[in-house]
N, C-alpha and C. Protein backbone atom coordinates (compact mmCIF):
# COMPACT_ATOMS: atom_id res chain seq x y z
N MET A 1 3.72 4.65 -18.38
CA MET A 1 3.61 4.80 -17.10
C MET A 1 4.05 3.69 -16.34
N ASN A 2 4.73 3.78 -15.00
CA ASN A 2 5.00 2.73 -14.34
C ASN A 2 4.45 2.35 -13.34
N ALA A 3 4.48 1.14 -12.74
CA ALA A 3 3.66 0.62 -11.84
C ALA A 3 3.44 1.39 -10.46
N VAL A 4 4.48 2.20 -10.37
CA VAL A 4 4.44 3.34 -9.06
C VAL A 4 3.35 4.13 -9.02
N ALA A 5 3.60 4.93 -10.43
CA ALA A 5 2.80 5.81 -10.59
C ALA A 5 1.49 5.52 -10.74
N TRP A 6 1.25 4.31 -11.42
CA TRP A 6 -0.07 3.86 -11.56
C TRP A 6 -0.81 3.72 -9.97
N MET A 7 -0.04 3.22 -9.03
CA MET A 7 -0.33 2.75 -7.71
C MET A 7 -0.65 4.18 -6.95
N ALA A 8 0.26 5.07 -7.32
CA ALA A 8 0.01 6.36 -6.66
C ALA A 8 -1.27 7.20 -7.40
N GLY A 9 -1.50 6.91 -8.43
CA GLY A 9 -2.70 7.77 -9.28
C GLY A 9 -4.08 7.13 -8.68
N ALA A 10 -3.98 5.63 -8.67
CA ALA A 10 -5.48 5.23 -8.10
C ALA A 10 -5.52 5.67 -6.63
N SER A 11 -4.58 5.20 -5.75
CA SER A 11 -4.50 5.86 -4.35
C SER A 11 -5.08 7.42 -4.23
N ALA A 12 -4.40 8.44 -4.95
CA ALA A 12 -4.98 9.58 -5.14
C ALA A 12 -6.25 9.59 -5.56
N ALA A 13 -6.75 9.07 -6.52
CA ALA A 13 -8.40 9.25 -6.88
C ALA A 13 -9.21 8.28 -5.95
N ALA A 14 -8.46 7.51 -5.11
CA ALA A 14 -9.58 6.81 -4.12
C ALA A 14 -9.66 7.99 -3.08
N TRP A 15 -8.56 8.52 -2.70
CA TRP A 15 -8.75 9.30 -1.58
C TRP A 15 -9.55 10.78 -2.00
N LEU A 16 -9.46 11.18 -3.23
CA LEU A 16 -10.40 12.68 -3.78
C LEU A 16 -11.62 12.03 -3.76
N VAL A 17 -12.11 10.52 -4.14
CA VAL A 17 -13.85 10.18 -3.89
C VAL A 17 -13.86 10.06 -2.69
N ALA A 18 -13.22 9.50 -1.87
CA ALA A 18 -13.67 9.23 -0.44
C ALA A 18 -13.64 10.49 0.33
N ALA A 19 -12.67 11.47 -0.18
CA ALA A 19 -12.76 12.85 0.63
C ALA A 19 -14.07 13.40 0.43
N ALA A 20 -14.50 13.33 -0.88
CA ALA A 20 -15.81 14.21 -1.38
C ALA A 20 -17.04 13.78 -0.75
N LEU A 21 -17.08 12.23 -0.86
CA LEU A 21 -18.20 11.57 -0.15
C LEU A 21 -18.47 11.65 1.33
N LEU A 22 -17.15 11.20 2.02
CA LEU A 22 -17.42 11.56 3.51
C LEU A 22 -17.03 12.73 4.16
N GLY A 23 -16.31 13.76 3.58
CA GLY A 23 -16.57 15.13 4.10
C GLY A 23 -15.05 15.29 4.64
N PRO A 24 -14.99 16.35 5.23
CA PRO A 24 -13.74 16.89 5.87
C PRO A 24 -13.15 16.49 7.26
N ARG A 25 -14.36 15.68 7.99
CA ARG A 25 -13.99 14.99 9.27
C ARG A 25 -13.17 13.62 8.78
N ALA A 26 -13.29 12.90 7.92
CA ALA A 26 -12.72 11.75 7.73
C ALA A 26 -11.38 11.81 6.82
N ARG A 27 -11.42 13.09 6.02
CA ARG A 27 -10.17 12.98 5.19
C ARG A 27 -8.81 12.66 5.83
N VAL A 28 -8.32 13.09 6.96
CA VAL A 28 -7.14 12.42 7.73
C VAL A 28 -7.12 11.07 8.00
N GLU A 29 -8.23 10.38 8.35
CA GLU A 29 -8.22 8.95 8.43
C GLU A 29 -7.90 8.19 7.36
N VAL A 30 -8.71 8.67 6.31
CA VAL A 30 -8.85 7.77 4.93
C VAL A 30 -7.39 8.14 4.19
N LEU A 31 -6.79 9.35 4.58
CA LEU A 31 -5.65 9.82 3.88
C LEU A 31 -4.42 9.00 4.40
N LEU A 32 -4.76 8.67 5.65
CA LEU A 32 -3.43 7.77 6.40
C LEU A 32 -3.90 6.64 6.13
N GLY A 33 -4.94 5.95 5.75
CA GLY A 33 -5.42 4.76 5.62
C GLY A 33 -4.64 3.91 4.27
N ILE A 34 -4.88 5.49 3.33
CA ILE A 34 -4.15 4.75 2.04
C ILE A 34 -2.59 4.92 1.87
N LEU A 35 -2.13 5.90 2.74
CA LEU A 35 -0.73 6.26 2.74
C LEU A 35 0.38 5.38 3.12
N GLY A 36 -0.11 4.77 4.00
CA GLY A 36 0.69 3.46 4.77
C GLY A 36 0.76 2.28 3.54
N PRO A 37 -0.39 1.73 3.12
CA PRO A 37 -0.34 0.68 2.17
C PRO A 37 0.53 1.31 0.86
N LEU A 38 0.01 2.48 0.31
CA LEU A 38 0.78 2.83 -0.71
C LEU A 38 2.57 3.02 -0.54
N LEU A 39 2.91 3.33 0.44
CA LEU A 39 4.48 3.53 0.50
C LEU A 39 5.14 2.01 0.35
N ILE A 40 4.16 1.11 1.41
CA ILE A 40 5.07 -0.08 1.28
C ILE A 40 4.89 -0.78 -0.21
N ALA A 41 3.62 -0.97 -0.88
CA ALA A 41 3.44 -1.45 -2.02
C ALA A 41 4.33 -0.91 -2.95
N SER A 42 4.56 0.40 -3.21
CA SER A 42 5.36 0.96 -4.00
C SER A 42 6.83 0.77 -3.61
N GLY A 43 7.08 0.86 -2.39
CA GLY A 43 8.84 0.31 -2.28
C GLY A 43 8.76 -1.04 -2.66
N SER A 44 7.82 -2.14 -2.22
CA SER A 44 8.05 -3.23 -2.61
C SER A 44 8.13 -3.67 -4.04
N TRP A 45 7.40 -3.03 -4.69
CA TRP A 45 7.24 -2.83 -6.23
C TRP A 45 8.76 -2.61 -6.83
N VAL A 46 9.43 -1.58 -6.29
CA VAL A 46 10.66 -1.31 -6.88
C VAL A 46 11.65 -2.39 -6.56
N LEU A 47 11.53 -2.75 -5.29
CA LEU A 47 12.42 -4.11 -4.56
C LEU A 47 12.05 -4.88 -5.52
N VAL A 48 11.15 -5.33 -5.82
CA VAL A 48 10.77 -6.83 -6.97
C VAL A 48 11.45 -6.64 -8.17
N GLU A 49 11.07 -5.45 -8.76
CA GLU A 49 11.02 -5.10 -10.27
C GLU A 49 12.69 -5.21 -10.38
N ARG A 50 13.59 -4.27 -9.33
CA ARG A 50 14.89 -4.45 -9.65
C ARG A 50 15.42 -5.30 -9.22
N THR A 51 15.11 -6.44 -8.32
CA THR A 51 15.74 -7.65 -8.22
C THR A 51 15.53 -8.43 -9.36
N PHE A 52 14.13 -8.48 -9.94
CA PHE A 52 14.03 -9.57 -11.00
C PHE A 52 14.79 -9.05 -12.02
N LYS A 53 15.32 -8.03 -12.52
CA LYS A 53 15.96 -7.41 -13.30
C LYS A 53 17.23 -7.75 -13.29
N GLN A 54 17.94 -7.67 -12.03
CA GLN A 54 19.35 -7.77 -11.72
C GLN A 54 19.83 -9.41 -11.35
N ARG A 55 18.56 -10.01 -10.43
CA ARG A 55 19.22 -11.25 -10.00
C ARG A 55 17.78 -12.26 -9.68
N PRO A 56 17.13 -12.74 -10.52
CA PRO A 56 16.03 -13.13 -10.90
C PRO A 56 15.72 -14.56 -9.93
N GLN A 57 16.82 -15.06 -9.75
CA GLN A 57 16.94 -15.93 -8.81
C GLN A 57 16.83 -15.80 -7.57
N ALA A 58 17.02 -14.20 -7.05
CA ALA A 58 16.88 -14.20 -5.72
C ALA A 58 15.55 -13.61 -5.39
N LEU A 59 14.52 -13.53 -6.32
CA LEU A 59 13.56 -12.88 -6.15
C LEU A 59 12.68 -13.55 -5.21
N THR A 60 12.44 -14.61 -5.03
CA THR A 60 11.77 -15.44 -3.78
C THR A 60 12.17 -15.03 -2.48
N ALA A 61 13.55 -14.93 -2.05
CA ALA A 61 13.97 -14.61 -0.67
C ALA A 61 13.77 -13.46 -0.70
N VAL A 62 13.88 -12.39 -1.68
CA VAL A 62 13.78 -11.05 -1.24
C VAL A 62 12.08 -10.86 -1.18
N MET A 63 11.17 -11.58 -1.78
CA MET A 63 9.77 -11.33 -1.32
C MET A 63 9.38 -11.94 0.00
N ILE A 64 10.48 -12.82 0.38
CA ILE A 64 9.91 -13.44 1.57
C ILE A 64 10.23 -12.75 2.59
N ALA A 65 11.55 -11.79 2.36
CA ALA A 65 12.05 -10.72 3.66
C ALA A 65 11.11 -9.81 3.57
N ALA A 66 10.74 -9.25 2.40
CA ALA A 66 9.68 -8.09 2.15
C ALA A 66 8.59 -8.12 3.07
N PHE A 67 7.62 -9.59 2.74
CA PHE A 67 6.33 -9.91 3.54
C PHE A 67 6.82 -9.63 5.03
N ALA A 68 8.01 -10.14 5.54
CA ALA A 68 8.03 -10.26 7.03
C ALA A 68 8.33 -8.79 7.62
N PHE A 69 8.94 -7.83 6.79
CA PHE A 69 8.77 -6.49 7.12
C PHE A 69 7.64 -5.93 7.11
N LYS A 70 7.05 -6.41 5.96
CA LYS A 70 5.43 -5.69 5.87
C LYS A 70 4.65 -6.13 7.18
N VAL A 71 4.45 -7.31 7.44
CA VAL A 71 4.10 -7.47 8.84
C VAL A 71 4.13 -6.71 9.67
N ILE A 72 5.53 -6.58 10.18
CA ILE A 72 5.97 -5.78 11.32
C ILE A 72 5.39 -4.51 11.05
N PHE A 73 6.12 -3.79 9.94
CA PHE A 73 5.63 -2.41 9.91
C PHE A 73 4.06 -2.24 9.68
N PHE A 74 3.18 -2.94 9.33
CA PHE A 74 1.72 -2.85 9.46
C PHE A 74 1.48 -2.78 10.74
N GLY A 75 1.92 -3.71 11.66
CA GLY A 75 1.46 -3.76 12.90
C GLY A 75 1.66 -2.53 13.65
N ALA A 76 2.88 -2.24 13.51
CA ALA A 76 3.25 -0.72 14.12
C ALA A 76 2.40 0.32 13.41
N TYR A 77 2.58 0.43 12.45
CA TYR A 77 1.71 1.46 11.71
C TYR A 77 0.15 1.29 12.26
N VAL A 78 -0.53 0.53 12.39
CA VAL A 78 -1.78 0.53 12.66
C VAL A 78 -1.92 0.88 14.04
N ALA A 79 -0.99 0.30 14.94
CA ALA A 79 -0.88 0.49 16.40
C ALA A 79 -0.54 2.24 16.63
N VAL A 80 0.25 2.78 15.67
CA VAL A 80 0.42 4.29 16.32
C VAL A 80 -0.72 5.07 15.72
N ILE A 81 -1.31 4.58 14.51
CA ILE A 81 -2.41 5.80 14.11
C ILE A 81 -3.75 5.37 15.06
N LEU A 82 -3.84 4.41 15.30
CA LEU A 82 -5.06 3.96 16.39
C LEU A 82 -4.95 4.38 17.78
N ARG A 83 -3.68 4.12 18.27
CA ARG A 83 -3.40 4.34 19.83
C ARG A 83 -2.64 5.46 19.95
N VAL A 84 -1.61 5.76 19.10
CA VAL A 84 -0.73 6.88 19.41
C VAL A 84 -1.62 8.57 18.97
N LEU A 85 -1.96 8.23 17.79
CA LEU A 85 -2.59 9.27 17.10
C LEU A 85 -4.17 9.60 17.47
N ALA A 86 -4.39 8.33 18.07
CA ALA A 86 -6.12 8.27 18.40
C ALA A 86 -7.07 8.61 17.55
N LEU A 87 -6.76 8.31 16.24
CA LEU A 87 -7.69 8.80 15.10
C LEU A 87 -8.78 7.67 15.41
N ARG A 88 -10.08 8.21 14.64
CA ARG A 88 -11.41 7.29 14.47
C ARG A 88 -11.00 5.96 13.84
N PRO A 89 -11.16 4.66 14.12
CA PRO A 89 -10.88 3.68 13.72
C PRO A 89 -11.61 3.22 12.33
N VAL A 90 -13.11 3.63 12.47
CA VAL A 90 -13.77 2.95 11.37
C VAL A 90 -13.32 3.52 9.79
N PRO A 91 -12.98 4.94 9.61
CA PRO A 91 -12.70 5.62 8.29
C PRO A 91 -11.30 5.12 8.10
N PHE A 92 -10.41 4.92 9.20
CA PHE A 92 -9.08 4.60 8.84
C PHE A 92 -8.88 3.07 8.31
N VAL A 93 -9.68 2.20 9.15
CA VAL A 93 -9.52 0.71 8.87
C VAL A 93 -10.27 0.35 7.49
N LEU A 94 -11.14 0.84 7.38
CA LEU A 94 -11.77 0.83 5.91
C LEU A 94 -10.81 1.19 4.48
N SER A 95 -10.50 2.50 5.01
CA SER A 95 -9.53 2.88 3.81
C SER A 95 -8.30 1.87 3.76
N PHE A 96 -7.78 1.35 5.12
CA PHE A 96 -6.46 0.72 4.80
C PHE A 96 -6.70 -0.37 4.32
N ALA A 97 -7.52 -1.13 4.77
CA ALA A 97 -8.16 -2.52 4.26
C ALA A 97 -8.52 -2.58 2.75
N GLY A 98 -9.29 -1.58 2.27
CA GLY A 98 -9.44 -1.24 1.06
C GLY A 98 -8.28 -0.73 -0.18
N SER A 99 -7.49 -0.23 0.56
CA SER A 99 -6.18 0.17 -0.64
C SER A 99 -5.12 -1.15 -0.35
N LEU A 100 -5.03 -1.49 0.91
CA LEU A 100 -4.26 -2.59 0.88
C LEU A 100 -4.47 -3.84 -0.16
N ALA A 101 -5.66 -3.86 -0.03
CA ALA A 101 -6.44 -5.08 -1.17
C ALA A 101 -6.04 -4.78 -2.66
N GLY A 102 -6.39 -3.38 -2.88
CA GLY A 102 -6.43 -2.95 -4.05
C GLY A 102 -5.02 -2.46 -4.58
N LEU A 103 -3.95 -2.18 -3.81
CA LEU A 103 -2.64 -2.21 -4.29
C LEU A 103 -2.11 -3.66 -4.29
N TYR A 104 -2.27 -4.30 -3.51
CA TYR A 104 -1.73 -5.75 -3.83
C TYR A 104 -2.26 -6.63 -4.91
N LEU A 105 -3.54 -6.16 -5.31
CA LEU A 105 -4.28 -6.78 -6.73
C LEU A 105 -3.09 -6.37 -7.71
N MET A 106 -3.06 -4.66 -7.53
CA MET A 106 -2.49 -4.07 -8.88
C MET A 106 -1.00 -4.67 -8.53
N GLU A 107 -0.39 -5.10 -7.64
CA GLU A 107 1.05 -5.63 -7.43
C GLU A 107 1.11 -6.61 -8.20
N ALA A 108 0.14 -7.80 -7.76
CA ALA A 108 -0.23 -9.41 -8.55
C ALA A 108 -0.11 -9.20 -9.82
N LEU A 109 -0.99 -7.94 -10.61
CA LEU A 109 -1.13 -7.99 -11.91
C LEU A 109 0.45 -7.52 -12.51
N TYR A 110 0.64 -6.62 -11.83
CA TYR A 110 2.33 -6.18 -12.40
C TYR A 110 3.15 -7.54 -12.48
N LEU A 111 3.41 -8.21 -11.32
CA LEU A 111 4.02 -9.37 -11.04
C LEU A 111 3.72 -10.20 -12.01
N ARG A 112 2.51 -10.38 -12.62
CA ARG A 112 2.30 -11.38 -13.81
C ARG A 112 2.52 -11.18 -15.11
N ARG A 113 2.82 -9.53 -15.02
CA ARG A 113 3.15 -9.09 -16.63
C ARG A 113 4.58 -9.08 -16.49
N LEU A 114 5.07 -8.65 -15.22
CA LEU A 114 6.71 -9.02 -15.31
C LEU A 114 7.30 -10.16 -15.72
N PHE A 115 6.63 -11.48 -15.26
CA PHE A 115 6.99 -12.62 -15.45
C PHE A 115 6.97 -13.29 -16.94
N ARG A 116 6.26 -12.42 -17.63
CA ARG A 116 5.92 -12.82 -18.89
C ARG A 116 6.79 -12.44 -19.83
């Protein structure tokens, strides 16, 4: 099973657990808190893996550019969720931070594996 499938599976499992524990009111906030980081971590991983296989010498430059994109994307994403959609901040921020940390831990472990 590839890295993106594991990330998606872990995110789906986290959402199902959170939805069961928090009830229907927090489902949307938690789902959106998980989806943004999942989308970016998955896309980032595909880009890193493809770059490493085709041009490993370009990987650092690609990762720096991806980081800059992530900073801008996440700033806009959080602003839209909290200001435009006006969803409750606590469930969104907790799920966003938790999924971001978990997915980037997974990505770091996959990077370690890729480099071996």
